[in-house]
Amino acid sequence: MIIEHRTYRLKAGCLNEYLQLYEAEGLDLQSRYLGHPAGWYVVDVGPLNTVVHMWQYDSHAERERRRKQLSEEPAWAAFLPKVTPLLVDMRSIILTPAPFFTPRST
């Protein structure tokens, strides 16, 4: 199991616009291809204008397959030009469980 931890820093004043666009057009698409997010957050204390979302996959291969399917979706390609101008920075890290940690099944 792996977790992809994605952090997007937005231009000042663009957080609400990003959230509205994502909820209206991006969330359903990503959920359809990537599954239910393991977490989706807005930073309240710390670097403001930042969103963090996490996606759980069984393996790197599953992540690659799912993200490829999403990238081939025409509606996703139409969505990206609407939100990318709102971004300052994007980061993605892959987390693997420590040997002693057993994730809870949902």
PDB file of N, CA and C in Angstrom:
ATOM      1  N   MET A   1       0.835  -1.162   0.000  1.00  0.00           N
ATOM      2  CA  MET A   1       0.000   0.000   0.000  1.00  0.00           C
ATOM      3  C   MET A   1       0.891   1.241   0.000  1.00  0.00           C
ATOM      4  N   ILE A   2       0.511   2.238  -0.784  1.00  0.00           N
ATOM      5  CA  ILE A   2       1.206   3.521  -0.793  1.00  0.00           C
ATOM      6  C   ILE A   2       0.167   4.630  -0.702  1.00  0.00           C
ATOM      7  N   ILE A   3       0.612   5.788  -0.239  1.00  0.00           N
ATOM      8  CA  ILE A   3      -0.214   7.000  -0.209  1.00  0.00           C
ATOM      9  C   ILE A   3       0.497   8.049  -1.043  1.00  0.00           C
ATOM     10  N   GLU A   4      -0.224   8.634  -1.975  1.00  0.00           N
ATOM     11  CA  GLU A   4       0.311   9.791  -2.691  1.00  0.00           C
ATOM     12  C   GLU A   4      -0.202  11.029  -1.978  1.00  0.00           C
ATOM     13  N   HIS A   5       0.725  11.854  -1.511  1.00  0.00           N
ATOM     14  CA  HIS A   5       0.434  13.069  -0.753  1.00  0.00           C
ATOM     15  C   HIS A   5       0.724  14.249  -1.678  1.00  0.00           C
ATOM     16  N   ARG A   6      -0.329  14.935  -2.118  1.00  0.00           N
ATOM     17  CA  ARG A   6      -0.178  16.022  -3.071  1.00  0.00           C
ATOM     18  C   ARG A   6      -0.467  17.351  -2.374  1.00  0.00           C
ATOM     19  N   THR A   7       0.410  18.325  -2.570  1.00  0.00           N
ATOM     20  CA  THR A   7       0.256  19.649  -1.977  1.00  0.00           C
ATOM     21  C   THR A   7       0.257  20.679  -3.093  1.00  0.00           C
ATOM     22  N   TYR A   8      -0.783  21.479  -3.127  1.00  0.00           N
ATOM     23  CA  TYR A   8      -0.896  22.548  -4.121  1.00  0.00           C
ATOM     24  C   TYR A   8      -0.947  23.875  -3.382  1.00  0.00           C
ATOM     25  N   ARG A   9      -0.020  24.770  -3.711  1.00  0.00           N
ATOM     26  CA  ARG A   9      -0.049  26.120  -3.167  1.00  0.00           C
ATOM     27  C   ARG A   9      -0.658  27.015  -4.240  1.00  0.00           C
ATOM     28  N   LEU A  10      -1.640  27.799  -3.836  1.00  0.00           N
ATOM     29  CA  LEU A  10      -2.393  28.623  -4.767  1.00  0.00           C
ATOM     30  C   LEU A  10      -1.986  30.090  -4.663  1.00  0.00           C
ATOM     31  N   LYS A  11      -2.259  30.832  -5.715  1.00  0.00           N
ATOM     32  CA  LYS A  11      -2.038  32.267  -5.682  1.00  0.00           C
ATOM     33  C   LYS A  11      -2.930  32.863  -4.593  1.00  0.00           C
ATOM     34  N   ALA A  12      -2.430  33.899  -3.927  1.00  0.00           N
ATOM     35  CA  ALA A  12      -3.206  34.558  -2.880  1.00  0.00           C
ATOM     36  C   ALA A  12      -4.551  35.011  -3.448  1.00  0.00           C
ATOM     37  N   GLY A  13      -5.604  34.729  -2.718  1.00  0.00           N
ATOM     38  CA  GLY A  13      -6.945  35.129  -3.139  1.00  0.00           C
ATOM     39  C   GLY A  13      -7.638  34.151  -4.065  1.00  0.00           C
ATOM     40  N   CYS A  14      -6.988  33.035  -4.429  1.00  0.00           N
ATOM     41  CA  CYS A  14      -7.559  32.095  -5.393  1.00  0.00           C
ATOM     42  C   CYS A  14      -8.069  30.798  -4.755  1.00  0.00           C
ATOM     43  N   LEU A  15      -7.941  30.661  -3.447  1.00  0.00           N
ATOM     44  CA  LEU A  15      -8.323  29.409  -2.799  1.00  0.00           C
ATOM     45  C   LEU A  15      -9.787  29.063  -3.033  1.00  0.00           C
ATOM     46  N   ASN A  16     -10.685  29.987  -2.780  1.00  0.00           N
ATOM     47  CA  ASN A  16     -12.110  29.685  -2.941  1.00  0.00           C
ATOM     48  C   ASN A  16     -12.473  29.367  -4.384  1.00  0.00           C
ATOM     49  N   GLU A  17     -11.882  30.076  -5.334  1.00  0.00           N
ATOM     50  CA  GLU A  17     -12.132  29.790  -6.750  1.00  0.00           C
ATOM     51  C   GLU A  17     -11.665  28.377  -7.092  1.00  0.00           C
ATOM     52  N   TYR A  18     -10.477  28.007  -6.605  1.00  0.00           N
ATOM     53  CA  TYR A  18      -9.952  26.665  -6.847  1.00  0.00           C
ATOM     54  C   TYR A  18     -10.876  25.607  -6.260  1.00  0.00           C
ATOM     55  N   LEU A  19     -11.276  25.806  -5.000  1.00  0.00           N
ATOM     56  CA  LEU A  19     -12.143  24.829  -4.341  1.00  0.00           C
ATOM     57  C   LEU A  19     -13.471  24.678  -5.070  1.00  0.00           C
ATOM     58  N   GLN A  20     -14.051  25.779  -5.508  1.00  0.00           N
ATOM     59  CA  GLN A  20     -15.325  25.713  -6.232  1.00  0.00           C
ATOM     60  C   GLN A  20     -15.171  24.983  -7.558  1.00  0.00           C
ATOM     61  N   LEU A  21     -14.127  25.297  -8.313  1.00  0.00           N
ATOM     62  CA  LEU A  21     -13.883  24.608  -9.588  1.00  0.00           C
ATOM     63  C   LEU A  21     -13.641  23.124  -9.366  1.00  0.00           C
ATOM     64  N   TYR A  22     -12.816  22.803  -8.364  1.00  0.00           N
ATOM     65  CA  TYR A  22     -12.506  21.403  -8.107  1.00  0.00           C
ATOM     66  C   TYR A  22     -13.756  20.632  -7.699  1.00  0.00           C
ATOM     67  N   GLU A  23     -14.551  21.202  -6.802  1.00  0.00           N
ATOM     68  CA  GLU A  23     -15.761  20.504  -6.367  1.00  0.00           C
ATOM     69  C   GLU A  23     -16.732  20.303  -7.527  1.00  0.00           C
ATOM     70  N   ALA A  24     -16.865  21.321  -8.370  1.00  0.00           N
ATOM     71  CA  ALA A  24     -17.819  21.251  -9.481  1.00  0.00           C
ATOM     72  C   ALA A  24     -17.358  20.332 -10.611  1.00  0.00           C
ATOM     73  N   GLU A  25     -16.039  20.309 -10.895  1.00  0.00           N
ATOM     74  CA  GLU A  25     -15.580  19.612 -12.094  1.00  0.00           C
ATOM     75  C   GLU A  25     -14.491  18.566 -11.875  1.00  0.00           C
ATOM     76  N   GLY A  26     -13.695  18.692 -10.822  1.00  0.00           N
ATOM     77  CA  GLY A  26     -12.552  17.810 -10.662  1.00  0.00           C
ATOM     78  C   GLY A  26     -12.766  16.632  -9.728  1.00  0.00           C
ATOM     79  N   LEU A  27     -13.485  16.838  -8.655  1.00  0.00           N
ATOM     80  CA  LEU A  27     -13.629  15.801  -7.631  1.00  0.00           C
ATOM     81  C   LEU A  27     -14.237  14.519  -8.178  1.00  0.00           C
ATOM     82  N   ASP A  28     -15.330  14.635  -8.889  1.00  0.00           N
ATOM     83  CA  ASP A  28     -15.974  13.438  -9.430  1.00  0.00           C
ATOM     84  C   ASP A  28     -15.055  12.703 -10.399  1.00  0.00           C
ATOM     85  N   LEU A  29     -14.364  13.451 -11.248  1.00  0.00           N
ATOM     86  CA  LEU A  29     -13.451  12.817 -12.212  1.00  0.00           C
ATOM     87  C   LEU A  29     -12.321  12.086 -11.497  1.00  0.00           C
ATOM     88  N   GLN A  30     -11.670  12.767 -10.562  1.00  0.00           N
ATOM     89  CA  GLN A  30     -10.571  12.104  -9.869  1.00  0.00           C
ATOM     90  C   GLN A  30     -11.069  10.898  -9.092  1.00  0.00           C
ATOM     91  N   SER A  31     -12.197  11.039  -8.416  1.00  0.00           N
ATOM     92  CA  SER A  31     -12.725   9.920  -7.637  1.00  0.00           C
ATOM     93  C   SER A  31     -13.081   8.735  -8.525  1.00  0.00           C
ATOM     94  N   ARG A  32     -13.593   9.015  -9.716  1.00  0.00           N
ATOM     95  CA  ARG A  32     -13.954   7.947 -10.645  1.00  0.00           C
ATOM     96  C   ARG A  32     -12.735   7.126 -11.056  1.00  0.00           C
ATOM     97  N   TYR A  33     -11.604   7.805 -11.259  1.00  0.00           N
ATOM     98  CA  TYR A  33     -10.406   7.114 -11.732  1.00  0.00           C
ATOM     99  C   TYR A  33      -9.436   6.727 -10.617  1.00  0.00           C
ATOM    100  N   LEU A  34      -9.329   7.561  -9.581  1.00  0.00           N
ATOM    101  CA  LEU A  34      -8.342   7.318  -8.534  1.00  0.00           C
ATOM    102  C   LEU A  34      -8.927   6.669  -7.291  1.00  0.00           C
ATOM    103  N   GLY A  35     -10.234   6.620  -7.188  1.00  0.00           N
ATOM    104  CA  GLY A  35     -10.875   6.090  -5.992  1.00  0.00           C
ATOM    105  C   GLY A  35     -11.173   7.220  -5.010  1.00  0.00           C
ATOM    106  N   HIS A  36     -11.781   6.860  -3.900  1.00  0.00           N
ATOM    107  CA  HIS A  36     -12.104   7.856  -2.879  1.00  0.00           C
ATOM    108  C   HIS A  36     -10.807   8.372  -2.254  1.00  0.00           C
ATOM    109  N   PRO A  37     -10.662   9.704  -2.133  1.00  0.00           N
ATOM    110  CA  PRO A  37      -9.419  10.202  -1.544  1.00  0.00           C
ATOM    111  C   PRO A  37      -9.241   9.733  -0.098  1.00  0.00           C
ATOM    112  N   ALA A  38      -7.997   9.482   0.285  1.00  0.00           N
ATOM    113  CA  ALA A  38      -7.685   9.111   1.664  1.00  0.00           C
ATOM    114  C   ALA A  38      -7.738  10.339   2.564  1.00  0.00           C
ATOM    115  N   GLY A  39      -7.706  11.521   1.986  1.00  0.00           N
ATOM    116  CA  GLY A  39      -7.807  12.768   2.729  1.00  0.00           C
ATOM    117  C   GLY A  39      -7.796  13.940   1.775  1.00  0.00           C
ATOM    118  N   TRP A  40      -8.497  15.005   2.152  1.00  0.00           N
ATOM    119  CA  TRP A  40      -8.540  16.220   1.330  1.00  0.00           C
ATOM    120  C   TRP A  40      -8.688  17.385   2.293  1.00  0.00           C
ATOM    121  N   TYR A  41      -7.676  18.248   2.363  1.00  0.00           N
ATOM    122  CA  TYR A  41      -7.610  19.273   3.406  1.00  0.00           C
ATOM    123  C   TYR A  41      -7.215  20.632   2.849  1.00  0.00           C
ATOM    124  N   VAL A  42      -7.617  21.659   3.592  1.00  0.00           N
ATOM    125  CA  VAL A  42      -7.186  23.030   3.358  1.00  0.00           C
ATOM    126  C   VAL A  42      -6.323  23.420   4.555  1.00  0.00           C
ATOM    127  N   VAL A  43      -5.159  23.997   4.312  1.00  0.00           N
ATOM    128  CA  VAL A  43      -4.285  24.401   5.409  1.00  0.00           C
ATOM    129  C   VAL A  43      -4.909  25.592   6.123  1.00  0.00           C
ATOM    130  N   ASP A  44      -5.069  25.446   7.440  1.00  0.00           N
ATOM    131  CA  ASP A  44      -5.672  26.487   8.273  1.00  0.00           C
ATOM    132  C   ASP A  44      -4.609  27.265   9.037  1.00  0.00           C
ATOM    133  N   VAL A  45      -3.575  26.578   9.491  1.00  0.00           N
ATOM    134  CA  VAL A  45      -2.458  27.204  10.191  1.00  0.00           C
ATOM    135  C   VAL A  45      -1.189  26.721   9.506  1.00  0.00           C
ATOM    136  N   GLY A  46      -0.383  27.645   9.048  1.00  0.00           N
ATOM    137  CA  GLY A  46       0.828  27.303   8.305  1.00  0.00           C
ATOM    138  C   GLY A  46       0.813  28.039   6.981  1.00  0.00           C
ATOM    139  N   PRO A  47       1.339  27.410   5.929  1.00  0.00           N
ATOM    140  CA  PRO A  47       1.366  28.090   4.625  1.00  0.00           C
ATOM    141  C   PRO A  47      -0.055  28.187   4.046  1.00  0.00           C
ATOM    142  N   LEU A  48      -0.645  29.357   4.156  1.00  0.00           N
ATOM    143  CA  LEU A  48      -2.028  29.551   3.713  1.00  0.00           C
ATOM    144  C   LEU A  48      -2.138  29.415   2.200  1.00  0.00           C
ATOM    145  N   ASN A  49      -3.371  29.378   1.713  1.00  0.00           N
ATOM    146  CA  ASN A  49      -3.638  29.190   0.283  1.00  0.00           C
ATOM    147  C   ASN A  49      -3.074  27.866  -0.205  1.00  0.00           C
ATOM    148  N   THR A  50      -3.160  26.844   0.649  1.00  0.00           N
ATOM    149  CA  THR A  50      -2.610  25.533   0.337  1.00  0.00           C
ATOM    150  C   THR A  50      -3.667  24.467   0.545  1.00  0.00           C
ATOM    151  N   VAL A  51      -3.737  23.533  -0.385  1.00  0.00           N
ATOM    152  CA  VAL A  51      -4.594  22.356  -0.231  1.00  0.00           C
ATOM    153  C   VAL A  51      -3.705  21.118  -0.276  1.00  0.00           C
ATOM    154  N   VAL A  52      -4.129  20.111   0.464  1.00  0.00           N
ATOM    155  CA  VAL A  52      -3.416  18.836   0.526  1.00  0.00           C
ATOM    156  C   VAL A  52      -4.434  17.742   0.272  1.00  0.00           C
ATOM    157  N   HIS A  53      -4.126  16.863  -0.653  1.00  0.00           N
ATOM    158  CA  HIS A  53      -4.981  15.692  -0.822  1.00  0.00           C
ATOM    159  C   HIS A  53      -4.134  14.458  -0.960  1.00  0.00           C
ATOM    160  N   MET A  54      -4.716  13.335  -0.502  1.00  0.00           N
ATOM    161  CA  MET A  54      -3.996  12.071  -0.449  1.00  0.00           C
ATOM    162  C   MET A  54      -4.834  10.989  -1.108  1.00  0.00           C
ATOM    163  N   TRP A  55      -4.145  10.126  -1.820  1.00  0.00           N
ATOM    164  CA  TRP A  55      -4.794   9.037  -2.547  1.00  0.00           C
ATOM    165  C   TRP A  55      -4.089   7.741  -2.184  1.00  0.00           C
ATOM    166  N   GLN A  56      -4.844   6.706  -1.891  1.00  0.00           N
ATOM    167  CA  GLN A  56      -4.282   5.411  -1.502  1.00  0.00           C
ATOM    168  C   GLN A  56      -4.326   4.454  -2.689  1.00  0.00           C
ATOM    169  N   TYR A  57      -3.218   3.766  -2.882  1.00  0.00           N
ATOM    170  CA  TYR A  57      -3.103   2.770  -3.944  1.00  0.00           C
ATOM    171  C   TYR A  57      -2.503   1.495  -3.372  1.00  0.00           C
ATOM    172  N   ASP A  58      -2.784   0.386  -4.021  1.00  0.00           N
ATOM    173  CA  ASP A  58      -2.197  -0.889  -3.601  1.00  0.00           C
ATOM    174  C   ASP A  58      -0.711  -0.966  -3.936  1.00  0.00           C
ATOM    175  N   SER A  59      -0.311  -0.246  -5.014  1.00  0.00           N
ATOM    176  CA  SER A  59       1.080  -0.338  -5.463  1.00  0.00           C
ATOM    177  C   SER A  59       1.402   0.848  -6.366  1.00  0.00           C
ATOM    178  N   HIS A  60       2.684   0.988  -6.682  1.00  0.00           N
ATOM    179  CA  HIS A  60       3.094   2.018  -7.645  1.00  0.00           C
ATOM    180  C   HIS A  60       2.471   1.744  -9.015  1.00  0.00           C
ATOM    181  N   ALA A  61       2.395   0.479  -9.378  1.00  0.00           N
ATOM    182  CA  ALA A  61       1.816   0.110 -10.673  1.00  0.00           C
ATOM    183  C   ALA A  61       0.340   0.504 -10.749  1.00  0.00           C
ATOM    184  N   GLU A  62      -0.399   0.290  -9.657  1.00  0.00           N
ATOM    185  CA  GLU A  62      -1.807   0.691  -9.661  1.00  0.00           C
ATOM    186  C   GLU A  62      -1.932   2.204  -9.788  1.00  0.00           C
ATOM    187  N   ARG A  63      -1.096   2.947  -9.060  1.00  0.00           N
ATOM    188  CA  ARG A  63      -1.115   4.410  -9.162  1.00  0.00           C
ATOM    189  C   ARG A  63      -0.857   4.844 -10.602  1.00  0.00           C
ATOM    190  N   GLU A  64       0.165   4.279 -11.205  1.00  0.00           N
ATOM    191  CA  GLU A  64       0.518   4.637 -12.581  1.00  0.00           C
ATOM    192  C   GLU A  64      -0.649   4.349 -13.532  1.00  0.00           C
ATOM    193  N   ARG A  65      -1.273   3.197 -13.383  1.00  0.00           N
ATOM    194  CA  ARG A  65      -2.393   2.820 -14.248  1.00  0.00           C
ATOM    195  C   ARG A  65      -3.573   3.782 -14.069  1.00  0.00           C
ATOM    196  N   ARG A  66      -3.934   4.057 -12.830  1.00  0.00           N
ATOM    197  CA  ARG A  66      -5.086   4.932 -12.561  1.00  0.00           C
ATOM    198  C   ARG A  66      -4.834   6.360 -13.036  1.00  0.00           C
ATOM    199  N   ARG A  67      -3.626   6.885 -12.775  1.00  0.00           N
ATOM    200  CA  ARG A  67      -3.320   8.260 -13.180  1.00  0.00           C
ATOM    201  C   ARG A  67      -3.263   8.362 -14.711  1.00  0.00           C
ATOM    202  N   LYS A  68      -2.804   7.313 -15.383  1.00  0.00           N
ATOM    203  CA  LYS A  68      -2.793   7.304 -16.852  1.00  0.00           C
ATOM    204  C   LYS A  68      -4.216   7.352 -17.394  1.00  0.00           C
ATOM    205  N   GLN A  69      -5.106   6.566 -16.798  1.00  0.00           N
ATOM    206  CA  GLN A  69      -6.507   6.579 -17.230  1.00  0.00           C
ATOM    207  C   GLN A  69      -7.116   7.971 -17.040  1.00  0.00           C
ATOM    208  N   LEU A  70      -6.827   8.593 -15.904  1.00  0.00           N
ATOM    209  CA  LEU A  70      -7.340   9.945 -15.659  1.00  0.00           C
ATOM    210  C   LEU A  70      -6.799  10.919 -16.693  1.00  0.00           C
ATOM    211  N   SER A  71      -5.521  10.827 -16.992  1.00  0.00           N
ATOM    212  CA  SER A  71      -4.913  11.766 -17.943  1.00  0.00           C
ATOM    213  C   SER A  71      -5.478  11.624 -19.351  1.00  0.00           C
ATOM    214  N   GLU A  72      -6.034  10.456 -19.675  1.00  0.00           N
ATOM    215  CA  GLU A  72      -6.627  10.229 -20.996  1.00  0.00           C
ATOM    216  C   GLU A  72      -8.090  10.638 -21.067  1.00  0.00           C
ATOM    217  N   GLU A  73      -8.666  11.055 -19.956  1.00  0.00           N
ATOM    218  CA  GLU A  73     -10.075  11.461 -19.895  1.00  0.00           C
ATOM    219  C   GLU A  73     -10.225  12.877 -20.468  1.00  0.00           C
ATOM    220  N   PRO A  74     -11.012  13.055 -21.536  1.00  0.00           N
ATOM    221  CA  PRO A  74     -11.172  14.377 -22.142  1.00  0.00           C
ATOM    222  C   PRO A  74     -11.700  15.440 -21.166  1.00  0.00           C
ATOM    223  N   ALA A  75     -12.583  15.080 -20.286  1.00  0.00           N
ATOM    224  CA  ALA A  75     -13.109  16.059 -19.325  1.00  0.00           C
ATOM    225  C   ALA A  75     -12.015  16.540 -18.373  1.00  0.00           C
ATOM    226  N   TRP A  76     -11.069  15.655 -18.036  1.00  0.00           N
ATOM    227  CA  TRP A  76      -9.948  16.051 -17.184  1.00  0.00           C
ATOM    228  C   TRP A  76      -9.038  17.023 -17.937  1.00  0.00           C
ATOM    229  N   ALA A  77      -8.786  16.735 -19.205  1.00  0.00           N
ATOM    230  CA  ALA A  77      -7.967  17.625 -20.030  1.00  0.00           C
ATOM    231  C   ALA A  77      -8.619  18.994 -20.164  1.00  0.00           C
ATOM    232  N   ALA A  78      -9.940  19.055 -20.179  1.00  0.00           N
ATOM    233  CA  ALA A  78     -10.651  20.335 -20.259  1.00  0.00           C
ATOM    234  C   ALA A  78     -10.636  21.065 -18.916  1.00  0.00           C
ATOM    235  N   PHE A  79     -10.578  20.330 -17.832  1.00  0.00           N
ATOM    236  CA  PHE A  79     -10.577  20.915 -16.489  1.00  0.00           C
ATOM    237  C   PHE A  79      -9.235  21.567 -16.147  1.00  0.00           C
ATOM    238  N   LEU A  80      -8.137  20.920 -16.502  1.00  0.00           N
ATOM    239  CA  LEU A  80      -6.809  21.385 -16.089  1.00  0.00           C
ATOM    240  C   LEU A  80      -6.501  22.839 -16.461  1.00  0.00           C
ATOM    241  N   PRO A  81      -6.812  23.302 -17.678  1.00  0.00           N
ATOM    242  CA  PRO A  81      -6.498  24.706 -18.000  1.00  0.00           C
ATOM    243  C   PRO A  81      -7.286  25.718 -17.165  1.00  0.00           C
ATOM    244  N   LYS A  82      -8.347  25.278 -16.533  1.00  0.00           N
ATOM    245  CA  LYS A  82      -9.125  26.181 -15.675  1.00  0.00           C
ATOM    246  C   LYS A  82      -8.457  26.384 -14.317  1.00  0.00           C
ATOM    247  N   VAL A  83      -7.766  25.355 -13.821  1.00  0.00           N
ATOM    248  CA  VAL A  83      -7.197  25.448 -12.473  1.00  0.00           C
ATOM    249  C   VAL A  83      -5.696  25.722 -12.448  1.00  0.00           C
ATOM    250  N   THR A  84      -4.965  25.300 -13.455  1.00  0.00           N
ATOM    251  CA  THR A  84      -3.510  25.478 -13.396  1.00  0.00           C
ATOM    252  C   THR A  84      -3.082  26.948 -13.305  1.00  0.00           C
ATOM    253  N   PRO A  85      -3.806  27.907 -13.899  1.00  0.00           N
ATOM    254  CA  PRO A  85      -3.391  29.301 -13.717  1.00  0.00           C
ATOM    255  C   PRO A  85      -3.520  29.787 -12.260  1.00  0.00           C
ATOM    256  N   LEU A  86      -4.258  29.065 -11.438  1.00  0.00           N
ATOM    257  CA  LEU A  86      -4.439  29.453 -10.040  1.00  0.00           C
ATOM    258  C   LEU A  86      -3.313  28.947  -9.143  1.00  0.00           C
ATOM    259  N   LEU A  87      -2.462  28.057  -9.677  1.00  0.00           N
ATOM    260  CA  LEU A  87      -1.431  27.398  -8.882  1.00  0.00           C
ATOM    261  C   LEU A  87      -0.110  28.160  -8.889  1.00  0.00           C
ATOM    262  N   VAL A  88       0.576  28.106  -7.758  1.00  0.00           N
ATOM    263  CA  VAL A  88       1.934  28.630  -7.635  1.00  0.00           C
ATOM    264  C   VAL A  88       2.919  27.472  -7.656  1.00  0.00           C
ATOM    265  N   ASP A  89       2.554  26.381  -6.968  1.00  0.00           N
ATOM    266  CA  ASP A  89       3.478  25.272  -6.789  1.00  0.00           C
ATOM    267  C   ASP A  89       2.686  23.990  -6.579  1.00  0.00           C
ATOM    268  N   MET A  90       3.203  22.887  -7.093  1.00  0.00           N
ATOM    269  CA  MET A  90       2.604  21.562  -6.888  1.00  0.00           C
ATOM    270  C   MET A  90       3.700  20.616  -6.447  1.00  0.00           C
ATOM    271  N   ARG A  91       3.370  19.787  -5.435  1.00  0.00           N
ATOM    272  CA  ARG A  91       4.323  18.781  -4.977  1.00  0.00           C
ATOM    273  C   ARG A  91       3.597  17.472  -4.768  1.00  0.00           C
ATOM    274  N   SER A  92       4.271  16.400  -5.093  1.00  0.00           N
ATOM    275  CA  SER A  92       3.713  15.074  -4.889  1.00  0.00           C
ATOM    276  C   SER A  92       4.791  14.196  -4.272  1.00  0.00           C
ATOM    277  N   ILE A  93       4.440  13.555  -3.150  1.00  0.00           N
ATOM    278  CA  ILE A  93       5.362  12.612  -2.538  1.00  0.00           C
ATOM    279  C   ILE A  93       4.627  11.292  -2.336  1.00  0.00           C
ATOM    280  N   ILE A  94       5.371  10.220  -2.358  1.00  0.00           N
ATOM    281  CA  ILE A  94       4.802   8.892  -2.144  1.00  0.00           C
ATOM    282  C   ILE A  94       5.229   8.418  -0.759  1.00  0.00           C
ATOM    283  N   LEU A  95       4.246   8.024   0.038  1.00  0.00           N
ATOM    284  CA  LEU A  95       4.480   7.532   1.390  1.00  0.00           C
ATOM    285  C   LEU A  95       4.242   6.028   1.428  1.00  0.00           C
ATOM    286  N   THR A  96       5.115   5.313   2.123  1.00  0.00           N
ATOM    287  CA  THR A  96       4.918   3.881   2.345  1.00  0.00           C
ATOM    288  C   THR A  96       4.824   3.650   3.850  1.00  0.00           C
ATOM    289  N   PRO A  97       4.012   2.701   4.282  1.00  0.00           N
ATOM    290  CA  PRO A  97       3.841   2.468   5.716  1.00  0.00           C
ATOM    291  C   PRO A  97       5.139   1.985   6.370  1.00  0.00           C
ATOM    292  N   ALA A  98       5.356   2.438   7.604  1.00  0.00           N
ATOM    293  CA  ALA A  98       6.468   1.912   8.397  1.00  0.00           C
ATOM    294  C   ALA A  98       6.212   0.428   8.654  1.00  0.00           C
ATOM    295  N   PRO A  99       7.258  -0.355   8.865  1.00  0.00           N
ATOM    296  CA  PRO A  99       7.093  -1.805   9.009  1.00  0.00           C
ATOM    297  C   PRO A  99       6.124  -2.219  10.121  1.00  0.00           C
ATOM    298  N   PHE A 100       5.979  -1.398  11.152  1.00  0.00           N
ATOM    299  CA  PHE A 100       5.128  -1.750  12.286  1.00  0.00           C
ATOM    300  C   PHE A 100       3.704  -1.228  12.159  1.00  0.00           C
ATOM    301  N   PHE A 101       3.405  -0.491  11.077  1.00  0.00           N
ATOM    302  CA  PHE A 101       2.085   0.123  10.924  1.00  0.00           C
ATOM    303  C   PHE A 101       1.199  -0.728  10.028  1.00  0.00           C
ATOM    304  N   THR A 102      -0.001  -0.997  10.496  1.00  0.00           N
ATOM    305  CA  THR A 102      -0.994  -1.702   9.698  1.00  0.00           C
ATOM    306  C   THR A 102      -2.181  -0.762   9.509  1.00  0.00           C
ATOM    307  N   PRO A 103      -2.421  -0.299   8.270  1.00  0.00           N
ATOM    308  CA  PRO A 103      -3.545   0.612   8.040  1.00  0.00           C
ATOM    309  C   PRO A 103      -4.877  -0.066   8.368  1.00  0.00           C
ATOM    310  N   ARG A 104      -5.798   0.727   8.847  1.00  0.00           N
ATOM    311  CA  ARG A 104      -7.152   0.221   9.088  1.00  0.00           C
ATOM    312  C   ARG A 104      -7.854   0.062   7.763  1.00  0.00           C
ATOM    313  N   SER A 105      -8.628  -0.985   7.629  1.00  0.00           N
ATOM    314  CA  SER A 105      -9.430  -1.119   6.414  1.00  0.00           C
ATOM    315  C   SER A 105     -10.714  -0.329   6.629  1.00  0.00           C
ATOM    316  N   THR A 106     -11.203   0.246   5.534  1.00  0.00           N
ATOM    317  CA  THR A 106     -12.419   1.069   5.644  1.00  0.00           C
ATOM    318  C   THR A 106     -13.644   0.322   5.203  1.00  0.00           C
TER     319      THR A 106
END
